[in-house]
């Protein structure tokens, strides 16, 4: 009877240890995914911003770097869609849309009817709302991991998310209007 009790105790301990190891692996996988999301989002924003700066200086624009950054982000984003919690996915999806608008801003600079206004708009987007969006992603990921927990995080997250979406929609309208003007003048 003592041997049976000791055996059951060892089995329970082994089960707890296996569960802990599984939880540790899952947490590490989540940290790794979050780190890749953060890295690729930042690289994407920087690549687009660098395309804008190079174009503004009249340099040859190496769009392959931007395209590679966009592809890397798309790969991480598609994997993240299957693993993220609803709140984290909401921020990541909003940033995905904002990065896509940034890509369009960078790609359409050469065809702009008003280059100085287009460069100004691009600088404003990449250093303001898009930079804030990448920061929001990082803060959200850290909060979700329990690394940096803020008391009123949910309210701050919702406010920042609304601001990013509002700025993105305004820029999309502006770009659409400019494209209509460009097609009329062609």
C-alpha atoms as a PDB file:
ATOM      1  CA  UNK A   1       0.000   0.000   0.000  1.00  0.00           C
ATOM      2  CA  UNK A   2       2.862   2.369   0.839  1.00  0.00           C
ATOM      3  CA  UNK A   3       4.505   1.523  -2.516  1.00  0.00           C
ATOM      4  CA  UNK A   4       1.230   2.181  -4.315  1.00  0.00           C
ATOM      5  CA  UNK A   5       0.841   5.560  -2.561  1.00  0.00           C
ATOM      6  CA  UNK A   6       4.451   6.513  -3.339  1.00  0.00           C
ATOM      7  CA  UNK A   7       3.992   5.466  -6.966  1.00  0.00           C
ATOM      8  CA  UNK A   8       0.849   7.603  -7.314  1.00  0.00           C
ATOM      9  CA  UNK A   9       2.661  10.526  -5.730  1.00  0.00           C
ATOM     10  CA  UNK A  10       5.551  10.166  -8.236  1.00  0.00           C
ATOM     11  CA  UNK A  11       3.069   9.988 -11.124  1.00  0.00           C
ATOM     12  CA  UNK A  12       1.294  13.148  -9.961  1.00  0.00           C
ATOM     13  CA  UNK A  13       4.627  14.938  -9.578  1.00  0.00           C
ATOM     14  CA  UNK A  14       5.674  13.798 -13.067  1.00  0.00           C
ATOM     15  CA  UNK A  15       2.324  14.959 -14.474  1.00  0.00           C
ATOM     16  CA  UNK A  16       2.740  18.379 -12.829  1.00  0.00           C
ATOM     17  CA  UNK A  17       6.270  18.612 -14.171  1.00  0.00           C
ATOM     18  CA  UNK A  18       5.135  17.720 -17.708  1.00  0.00           C
ATOM     19  CA  UNK A  19       2.341  20.302 -17.489  1.00  0.00           C
ATOM     20  CA  UNK A  20       4.800  22.934 -16.269  1.00  0.00           C
ATOM     21  CA  UNK A  21       7.222  22.111 -19.086  1.00  0.00           C
ATOM     22  CA  UNK A  22       4.389  22.322 -21.626  1.00  0.00           C
ATOM     23  CA  UNK A  23       3.291  25.693 -20.199  1.00  0.00           C
ATOM     24  CA  UNK A  24       6.894  26.927 -20.259  1.00  0.00           C
ATOM     25  CA  UNK A  25       7.273  25.884 -23.912  1.00  0.00           C
ATOM     26  CA  UNK A  26       3.990  27.590 -24.822  1.00  0.00           C
ATOM     27  CA  UNK A  27       5.039  30.784 -23.019  1.00  0.00           C
ATOM     28  CA  UNK A  28       8.427  30.728 -24.757  1.00  0.00           C
ATOM     29  CA  UNK A  29       6.765  30.201 -28.139  1.00  0.00           C
ATOM     30  CA  UNK A  30       4.504  33.179 -27.441  1.00  0.00           C
ATOM     31  CA  UNK A  31       7.498  35.345 -26.417  1.00  0.00           C
ATOM     32  CA  UNK A  32       9.313  34.295 -29.594  1.00  0.00           C
ATOM     33  CA  UNK A  33       6.292  35.132 -31.765  1.00  0.00           C
ATOM     34  CA  UNK A  34       5.890  38.498 -30.041  1.00  0.00           C
ATOM     35  CA  UNK A  35       9.574  39.305 -30.510  1.00  0.00           C
ATOM     36  CA  UNK A  36       9.347  38.460 -34.224  1.00  0.00           C
ATOM     37  CA  UNK A  37       6.198  40.573 -34.608  1.00  0.00           C
ATOM     38  CA  UNK A  38       7.869  43.529 -32.935  1.00  0.00           C
ATOM     39  CA  UNK A  39      11.045  43.123 -34.984  1.00  0.00           C
ATOM     40  CA  UNK A  40       9.305  42.788 -38.338  1.00  0.00           C
ATOM     41  CA  UNK A  41       6.903  45.684 -37.643  1.00  0.00           C
ATOM     42  CA  UNK A  42       9.802  47.975 -36.774  1.00  0.00           C
ATOM     43  CA  UNK A  43      11.831  46.816 -39.791  1.00  0.00           C
ATOM     44  CA  UNK A  44       8.873  47.383 -42.104  1.00  0.00           C
ATOM     45  CA  UNK A  45       8.302  50.940 -40.812  1.00  0.00           C
ATOM     46  CA  UNK A  46      11.998  51.776 -41.038  1.00  0.00           C
ATOM     47  CA  UNK A  47      12.310  50.343 -44.573  1.00  0.00           C
ATOM     48  CA  UNK A  48       9.361  52.431 -45.785  1.00  0.00           C
ATOM     49  CA  UNK A  49      10.674  55.546 -44.052  1.00  0.00           C
ATOM     50  CA  UNK A  50      14.101  54.982 -45.630  1.00  0.00           C
ATOM     51  CA  UNK A  51      12.510  54.693 -49.101  1.00  0.00           C
ATOM     52  CA  UNK A  52      10.813  58.045 -48.520  1.00  0.00           C
ATOM     53  CA  UNK A  53      14.052  59.692 -47.385  1.00  0.00           C
ATOM     54  CA  UNK A  54      16.040  58.272 -50.303  1.00  0.00           C
ATOM     55  CA  UNK A  55      13.415  59.381 -52.823  1.00  0.00           C
ATOM     56  CA  UNK A  56      13.339  62.835 -51.295  1.00  0.00           C
ATOM     57  CA  UNK A  57      17.112  63.143 -51.687  1.00  0.00           C
ATOM     58  CA  UNK A  58      16.797  62.072 -55.310  1.00  0.00           C
ATOM     59  CA  UNK A  59      18.665  58.819 -54.724  1.00  0.00           C
ATOM     60  CA  UNK A  60      17.847  55.560 -56.427  1.00  0.00           C
ATOM     61  CA  UNK A  61      15.189  53.912 -54.326  1.00  0.00           C
ATOM     62  CA  UNK A  62      15.899  50.314 -53.380  1.00  0.00           C
ATOM     63  CA  UNK A  63      12.336  49.070 -53.057  1.00  0.00           C
ATOM     64  CA  UNK A  64      13.516  45.450 -52.715  1.00  0.00           C
ATOM     65  CA  UNK A  65      14.318  46.143 -49.050  1.00  0.00           C
ATOM     66  CA  UNK A  66      10.828  47.532 -48.513  1.00  0.00           C
ATOM     67  CA  UNK A  67       9.247  44.600 -50.354  1.00  0.00           C
ATOM     68  CA  UNK A  68      11.269  42.114 -48.281  1.00  0.00           C
ATOM     69  CA  UNK A  69      10.241  43.886 -45.055  1.00  0.00           C
ATOM     70  CA  UNK A  70       6.620  43.794 -46.172  1.00  0.00           C
ATOM     71  CA  UNK A  71       6.847  40.064 -46.942  1.00  0.00           C
ATOM     72  CA  UNK A  72       8.530  39.315 -43.589  1.00  0.00           C
ATOM     73  CA  UNK A  73       5.789  41.211 -41.755  1.00  0.00           C
ATOM     74  CA  UNK A  74       3.060  39.464 -43.770  1.00  0.00           C
ATOM     75  CA  UNK A  75       4.508  36.061 -42.850  1.00  0.00           C
ATOM     76  CA  UNK A  76       4.654  36.857 -39.127  1.00  0.00           C
ATOM     77  CA  UNK A  77       1.228  38.485 -39.195  1.00  0.00           C
ATOM     78  CA  UNK A  78      -0.390  35.486 -40.867  1.00  0.00           C
ATOM     79  CA  UNK A  79       1.092  33.159 -38.246  1.00  0.00           C
ATOM     80  CA  UNK A  80       0.120  35.511 -35.434  1.00  0.00           C
ATOM     81  CA  UNK A  81      -3.501  35.581 -36.587  1.00  0.00           C
ATOM     82  CA  UNK A  82      -3.781  31.948 -35.528  1.00  0.00           C
ATOM     83  CA  UNK A  83      -2.188  32.426 -32.107  1.00  0.00           C
ATOM     84  CA  UNK A  84      -3.008  35.882 -30.734  1.00  0.00           C
ATOM     85  CA  UNK A  85      -5.652  36.688 -28.183  1.00  0.00           C
ATOM     86  CA  UNK A  86      -8.504  38.928 -29.364  1.00  0.00           C
ATOM     87  CA  UNK A  87      -7.111  42.143 -27.827  1.00  0.00           C
ATOM     88  CA  UNK A  88      -3.597  41.591 -29.144  1.00  0.00           C
ATOM     89  CA  UNK A  89      -4.935  40.619 -32.565  1.00  0.00           C
ATOM     90  CA  UNK A  90      -7.003  43.807 -32.660  1.00  0.00           C
ATOM     91  CA  UNK A  91      -3.865  45.937 -32.215  1.00  0.00           C
ATOM     92  CA  UNK A  92      -1.831  43.802 -34.618  1.00  0.00           C
ATOM     93  CA  UNK A  93      -4.546  44.002 -37.287  1.00  0.00           C
ATOM     94  CA  UNK A  94      -4.812  47.783 -36.927  1.00  0.00           C
ATOM     95  CA  UNK A  95      -1.045  48.048 -37.274  1.00  0.00           C
ATOM     96  CA  UNK A  96      -1.155  45.762 -40.308  1.00  0.00           C
ATOM     97  CA  UNK A  97      -3.594  48.130 -42.006  1.00  0.00           C
ATOM     98  CA  UNK A  98      -1.483  51.151 -41.007  1.00  0.00           C
ATOM     99  CA  UNK A  99       1.696  49.535 -42.341  1.00  0.00           C
ATOM    100  CA  UNK A 100      -0.119  48.797 -45.590  1.00  0.00           C
ATOM    101  CA  UNK A 101      -1.035  52.469 -45.951  1.00  0.00           C
ATOM    102  CA  UNK A 102       2.591  53.355 -45.224  1.00  0.00           C
ATOM    103  CA  UNK A 103       3.655  51.002 -48.004  1.00  0.00           C
ATOM    104  CA  UNK A 104       1.235  52.741 -50.386  1.00  0.00           C
ATOM    105  CA  UNK A 105       2.534  56.165 -49.322  1.00  0.00           C
ATOM    106  CA  UNK A 106       6.122  55.134 -50.066  1.00  0.00           C
ATOM    107  CA  UNK A 107       5.286  53.429 -53.371  1.00  0.00           C
ATOM    108  CA  UNK A 108       3.184  56.324 -54.712  1.00  0.00           C
ATOM    109  CA  UNK A 109       5.666  59.112 -54.038  1.00  0.00           C
ATOM    110  CA  UNK A 110       7.048  59.162 -57.594  1.00  0.00           C
ATOM    111  CA  UNK A 111       3.594  59.661 -59.127  1.00  0.00           C
ATOM    112  CA  UNK A 112       2.496  62.429 -56.778  1.00  0.00           C
ATOM    113  CA  UNK A 113       1.305  65.667 -58.365  1.00  0.00           C
ATOM    114  CA  UNK A 114       2.630  67.618 -55.389  1.00  0.00           C
ATOM    115  CA  UNK A 115       5.937  66.027 -54.313  1.00  0.00           C
ATOM    116  CA  UNK A 116       6.592  68.421 -51.423  1.00  0.00           C
ATOM    117  CA  UNK A 117       3.146  67.746 -49.949  1.00  0.00           C
ATOM    118  CA  UNK A 118       3.596  63.986 -50.492  1.00  0.00           C
ATOM    119  CA  UNK A 119       6.973  63.969 -48.727  1.00  0.00           C
ATOM    120  CA  UNK A 120       5.600  66.034 -45.875  1.00  0.00           C
ATOM    121  CA  UNK A 121       2.645  63.652 -45.544  1.00  0.00           C
ATOM    122  CA  UNK A 122       4.997  60.649 -45.592  1.00  0.00           C
ATOM    123  CA  UNK A 123       7.280  62.116 -42.929  1.00  0.00           C
ATOM    124  CA  UNK A 124       4.283  62.929 -40.755  1.00  0.00           C
ATOM    125  CA  UNK A 125       2.864  59.410 -41.161  1.00  0.00           C
ATOM    126  CA  UNK A 126       6.082  57.513 -40.442  1.00  0.00           C
ATOM    127  CA  UNK A 127       7.237  59.642 -37.520  1.00  0.00           C
ATOM    128  CA  UNK A 128       3.763  60.132 -36.016  1.00  0.00           C
ATOM    129  CA  UNK A 129       0.835  57.726 -36.289  1.00  0.00           C
ATOM    130  CA  UNK A 130       2.761  54.756 -37.694  1.00  0.00           C
ATOM    131  CA  UNK A 131       5.541  55.111 -35.136  1.00  0.00           C
ATOM    132  CA  UNK A 132       2.865  55.318 -32.431  1.00  0.00           C
ATOM    133  CA  UNK A 133       1.245  52.181 -33.865  1.00  0.00           C
ATOM    134  CA  UNK A 134       4.482  50.201 -33.668  1.00  0.00           C
ATOM    135  CA  UNK A 135       4.943  51.435 -30.107  1.00  0.00           C
ATOM    136  CA  UNK A 136       1.354  50.400 -29.278  1.00  0.00           C
ATOM    137  CA  UNK A 137       2.073  46.908 -30.575  1.00  0.00           C
ATOM    138  CA  UNK A 138       5.178  46.591 -28.399  1.00  0.00           C
ATOM    139  CA  UNK A 139       3.389  47.861 -25.284  1.00  0.00           C
ATOM    140  CA  UNK A 140       0.428  45.550 -25.947  1.00  0.00           C
ATOM    141  CA  UNK A 141       2.687  42.531 -26.391  1.00  0.00           C
ATOM    142  CA  UNK A 142       4.610  43.332 -23.204  1.00  0.00           C
ATOM    143  CA  UNK A 143       1.361  43.827 -21.312  1.00  0.00           C
ATOM    144  CA  UNK A 144       0.003  40.510 -22.581  1.00  0.00           C
ATOM    145  CA  UNK A 145       3.179  38.751 -21.465  1.00  0.00           C
ATOM    146  CA  UNK A 146       2.909  40.361 -18.032  1.00  0.00           C
ATOM    147  CA  UNK A 147       6.245  42.139 -18.474  1.00  0.00           C
ATOM    148  CA  UNK A 148       4.837  45.648 -18.274  1.00  0.00           C
ATOM    149  CA  UNK A 149       1.383  45.821 -16.730  1.00  0.00           C
ATOM    150  CA  UNK A 150      -0.219  49.256 -16.502  1.00  0.00           C
ATOM    151  CA  UNK A 151      -3.305  49.840 -14.346  1.00  0.00           C
ATOM    152  CA  UNK A 152      -5.464  51.566 -16.983  1.00  0.00           C
ATOM    153  CA  UNK A 153      -3.892  49.822 -19.960  1.00  0.00           C
ATOM    154  CA  UNK A 154      -7.198  48.873 -21.594  1.00  0.00           C
ATOM    155  CA  UNK A 155      -8.370  52.473 -21.776  1.00  0.00           C
ATOM    156  CA  UNK A 156      -4.986  53.651 -23.104  1.00  0.00           C
ATOM    157  CA  UNK A 157      -4.930  50.838 -25.663  1.00  0.00           C
ATOM    158  CA  UNK A 158      -8.417  51.654 -26.921  1.00  0.00           C
ATOM    159  CA  UNK A 159      -7.629  55.366 -27.192  1.00  0.00           C
ATOM    160  CA  UNK A 160      -4.373  54.738 -29.086  1.00  0.00           C
ATOM    161  CA  UNK A 161      -6.071  52.197 -31.338  1.00  0.00           C
ATOM    162  CA  UNK A 162      -8.881  54.643 -32.178  1.00  0.00           C
ATOM    163  CA  UNK A 163      -6.338  57.376 -32.950  1.00  0.00           C
ATOM    164  CA  UNK A 164      -4.327  55.071 -35.228  1.00  0.00           C
ATOM    165  CA  UNK A 165      -7.433  53.935 -37.101  1.00  0.00           C
ATOM    166  CA  UNK A 166      -8.691  57.506 -37.467  1.00  0.00           C
ATOM    167  CA  UNK A 167      -5.346  58.749 -38.810  1.00  0.00           C
ATOM    168  CA  UNK A 168      -5.127  55.784 -41.183  1.00  0.00           C
ATOM    169  CA  UNK A 169      -8.604  56.372 -42.578  1.00  0.00           C
ATOM    170  CA  UNK A 170      -7.846  60.081 -43.086  1.00  0.00           C
ATOM    171  CA  UNK A 171      -4.646  59.223 -44.948  1.00  0.00           C
ATOM    172  CA  UNK A 172      -6.463  56.631 -47.073  1.00  0.00           C
ATOM    173  CA  UNK A 173      -9.035  59.269 -48.066  1.00  0.00           C
ATOM    174  CA  UNK A 174      -6.259  61.704 -48.891  1.00  0.00           C
ATOM    175  CA  UNK A 175      -4.432  59.127 -51.032  1.00  0.00           C
ATOM    176  CA  UNK A 176      -7.643  58.147 -52.835  1.00  0.00           C
ATOM    177  CA  UNK A 177      -8.415  61.779 -53.575  1.00  0.00           C
ATOM    178  CA  UNK A 178      -4.893  62.311 -54.901  1.00  0.00           C
ATOM    179  CA  UNK A 179      -5.160  59.231 -57.113  1.00  0.00           C
ATOM    180  CA  UNK A 180      -8.388  60.573 -58.607  1.00  0.00           C
ATOM    181  CA  UNK A 181      -6.617  63.871 -59.359  1.00  0.00           C
ATOM    182  CA  UNK A 182      -3.657  62.021 -60.884  1.00  0.00           C
ATOM    183  CA  UNK A 183      -5.896  59.953 -63.148  1.00  0.00           C
ATOM    184  CA  UNK A 184      -7.806  63.074 -64.268  1.00  0.00           C
ATOM    185  CA  UNK A 185      -4.599  64.866 -65.213  1.00  0.00           C
ATOM    186  CA  UNK A 186      -3.243  61.890 -67.137  1.00  0.00           C
END
